[in-house]
Every structure is written in structure tokens, then in C-alpha cells.
Amino acid sequence: MGFKNVEVEYDALQVVEAINKKLQRRSEAYRLIQELLSGEWNVRLNHVFREGNRCADKIASLGASQTEQKLVWFTPPKAVQEILKEYLLGIGVPRYVDHT
């Protein structure tokens, strides 16, 4: 038994557009992503702003600073718990938009 419908949120708009439009790229990473997407599941890839993806961004930052190859948390790390609390309290993060 596994997942049949997967929704992925990613904060790099150009990557999301390239994958959704099936644009051909020569990178190994792009080839691996296409291979994963061709599995026996439905994948929906959406763009989100980094501010809307703060938990994933924090986990990636924490993972990048680790020396272990695999890290398992049984509860969210303290930094992620703080972000979740802000979310539950409705505390937003402002985003600067340059209109020039």
C-alpha cells in the first residue's frame, strides 16, 4: 500500500514551471525528478512563496547543517514548533513586493 495522490509545494517558480510544462533540461536532477514523477501515482506540483513554505525551509536548513546521512525526528524540532505555533496563532510573515 502506498500513496496514489501526492501534492508537492516548491518555492522555486522556474523549476515548477519547467516541470509542469515538461520542458527538457539536461541536468541530472531534472532527469531524476521526471523519473520520480512517472511512477504509479498522480503528482501535482504547485509553486508557493518561501514564506508559505517556512517549515520545509527550516527543516532543509537544519538538515544541511547535519553530518548524519539520515535524521529522524519523532517530534518537530524546536525551530519548526515555533513556526507551527505562529501559523496556528495566525501570525503572518510580510512579503516585500517591488512594484518598480
Protein backbone atom coordinates (compact mmCIF):
# COMPACT_ATOMS: atom_id res chain seq x y z
CA MET A 1 0.00 0.00 0.00
CA GLY A 2 1.35 3.43 -0.90
CA PHE A 3 0.44 6.93 -1.86
CA LYS A 4 -1.54 7.38 -5.08
CA ASN A 5 -2.06 11.15 -4.97
CA VAL A 6 0.84 13.38 -3.98
CA GLU A 7 0.85 17.16 -3.80
CA VAL A 8 4.24 18.89 -3.80
CA GLU A 9 4.75 22.54 -2.94
CA TYR A 10 8.03 24.10 -4.04
CA ASP A 11 9.28 27.66 -3.74
CA ALA A 12 11.28 27.88 -6.98
CA LEU A 13 8.81 29.13 -9.59
CA GLN A 14 11.07 28.45 -12.59
CA VAL A 15 11.57 24.84 -11.53
CA VAL A 16 7.83 24.32 -11.02
CA GLU A 17 7.04 25.82 -14.44
CA ALA A 18 9.73 23.77 -16.20
CA ILE A 19 8.48 20.52 -14.67
CA ASN A 20 4.78 21.26 -15.18
CA LYS A 21 5.36 22.24 -18.83
CA LYS A 22 7.63 19.20 -19.31
CA LEU A 23 10.41 21.40 -20.65
CA GLN A 24 13.53 19.42 -21.48
CA ARG A 25 16.54 20.14 -19.31
CA ARG A 26 19.92 18.47 -19.50
CA SER A 27 20.58 18.29 -15.76
CA GLU A 28 20.75 15.03 -13.86
CA ALA A 29 18.45 16.46 -11.17
CA TYR A 30 15.76 17.23 -13.75
CA ARG A 31 16.03 13.70 -15.18
CA LEU A 32 15.64 12.21 -11.70
CA ILE A 33 12.60 14.40 -10.98
CA GLN A 34 10.95 13.31 -14.23
CA GLU A 35 11.69 9.68 -13.37
CA LEU A 36 10.04 10.08 -9.96
CA LEU A 37 7.02 11.82 -11.48
CA SER A 38 6.49 8.95 -13.94
CA GLY A 39 5.72 6.50 -11.12
CA GLU A 40 2.34 4.90 -10.49
CA TRP A 41 0.86 7.92 -8.76
CA ASN A 42 -0.68 11.28 -9.53
CA VAL A 43 1.59 14.18 -8.64
CA ARG A 44 0.50 17.81 -8.52
CA LEU A 45 3.33 20.31 -8.32
CA ASN A 46 2.49 23.81 -7.07
CA HIS A 47 4.53 26.93 -6.53
CA VAL A 48 4.45 28.53 -3.09
CA PHE A 49 6.35 31.53 -1.81
CA ARG A 50 9.14 30.73 0.61
CA GLU A 51 7.12 32.44 3.36
CA GLY A 52 4.35 29.89 2.81
CA ASN A 53 6.83 27.05 2.97
CA ARG A 54 8.64 28.09 6.16
CA CYS A 55 8.53 24.69 7.90
CA ALA A 56 10.06 22.88 4.93
CA ASP A 57 12.62 25.66 4.50
CA LYS A 58 13.63 25.41 8.18
CA ILE A 59 13.89 21.60 8.03
CA ALA A 60 16.07 21.86 4.91
CA SER A 61 18.31 24.37 6.70
CA LEU A 62 18.60 22.11 9.72
CA GLY A 63 19.35 19.11 7.52
CA ALA A 64 22.05 20.95 5.61
CA SER A 65 23.93 21.59 8.83
CA GLN A 66 23.86 17.93 9.95
CA THR A 67 26.71 15.46 9.47
CA GLU A 68 24.47 12.37 9.62
CA GLN A 69 23.18 10.93 6.33
CA LYS A 70 19.76 10.21 7.80
CA LEU A 71 18.00 12.11 10.54
CA VAL A 72 14.64 11.14 12.06
CA TRP A 73 12.64 13.37 14.38
CA PHE A 74 9.81 11.93 16.45
CA THR A 75 8.57 15.43 17.20
CA PRO A 76 9.21 18.58 15.18
CA PRO A 77 12.45 20.38 16.06
CA LYS A 78 12.03 23.41 18.36
CA ALA A 79 12.54 25.88 15.49
CA VAL A 80 9.77 24.19 13.48
CA GLN A 81 7.48 24.10 16.53
CA GLU A 82 7.81 27.88 16.77
CA ILE A 83 6.79 28.29 13.12
CA LEU A 84 3.81 25.98 13.65
CA LYS A 85 2.72 27.99 16.71
CA GLU A 86 2.87 31.22 14.67
CA TYR A 87 0.77 29.56 11.97
CA LEU A 88 -1.84 28.41 14.50
CA LEU A 89 -1.98 31.90 16.02
CA GLY A 90 -2.48 33.46 12.59
CA ILE A 91 0.79 35.37 12.69
CA GLY A 92 1.74 36.18 9.12
CA VAL A 93 5.07 36.93 7.53
CA PRO A 94 5.16 40.07 5.38
CA ARG A 95 6.49 39.75 1.87
CA TYR A 96 8.13 42.71 0.16
CA VAL A 97 6.97 43.13 -3.43
CA ASP A 98 8.87 45.57 -5.65
CA HIS A 99 6.40 47.32 -7.98
CA THR A 100 9.00 49.24 -9.97
